[in-house]
């Protein structure tokens, strides 16, 4: 059946429509086999299967099918940009060539007023967004699925204080989603907010990195005068914080001309931190060195290793230019990042710049994009 469905999608000249091919498959294959096949199709193809007949619409709209599909289907990641008051999406793949064809953006219509929205995070294909109307003393929070257009408005926290830390994740034991904003947490199960105890800190990163069922932030302890921040993990099930140290090499050498940009999760399933170091010669900035450190064993601060490093030359002709980096995808010896530094007015189109370290056989692809906000999500049918 999978071959029939693919051929019907790709070969219109054969004169066989997707619907007729699916009807033939439905007549000759057991239903459980059809379900197993469709769970491995992309979201868009599942949507077409729902249009074949009433039985298939019911079958493939079930919540249990959506969970099975998310487990079995190939992962398709998409970047969602908020730029110039528009929402735009850029599809990624595991074999991204970074050519011109990879820079094709599509506009996306959101089911809510997104002009001043902030992406809180993404999980299982769902994107959590926050919208504050400070003038009206109002706030709005949403969970939505850009792939299916599912949309749900969450209860308000009851205040419009400026958000400093936030995150979004899922707890499998209780089958609930949780959103964290400042010192409050929302549960999709109780449909309410409650206060949580947070450590005293100075912020490095506002958006929590979801790894497993915990959110992670880089914070400087407010009670200590240390040069290197700690990695704070918030267990979404237990609703408790724990602390992990960053690489000892960073603590030893300090952060002179050095800035820890961001933490994240690599494609190999490890936590990482991205470190930017400015290199000077005779009082002039010559280049920036970007290091990626990976925690090989989760929770073990002794397992940090430097994975690779890439240099970015300075741009003396542009005194206002600097690499304000945000990682999108990180692998063992390569990274795809974006630079949020404001671009020159005449350069309106996005571009990708390739930097390579021949000594370490590593690469970094930098997307020149000054969008106000960005989030990466995986396509799914979940709601």
Foldseek 3Di string as FASTA:
>chain_A
DLVLQVCQVPCVVVVQHNLNSVVVCVVPDDPVVVLVSLLADFLVSLVVQLPNDVVSVVVCLDQVSQVSSLVHYDWKKKKWFFFPQWIKIFTDDPPDPQDPVRQDIDTADAPDRCSAKAWQAEESQKTKIKAADVVVQDIWIWIAHSSVNDIDTADDQNGRPDWQAKEKYADPVVGWIWIDTDQWIAIPVVSHIDGADDAAWAAQDRHFEDADQWTWGWTQHPVDDAQGTWIWIARPVVRDIDTAHAAVVCRVVGADQKGFQDWYAAPVRWIKTKMWHFDDDPRHTFKIKIWIWTQPDPPDNHRIDTQDIWIGGDDVVDPQDDFNWDWDHDYSAETEIEGQRDDDPVPPGKHWDKTADPVNRHIYIYIHDNGPHMYMYIRTSHD
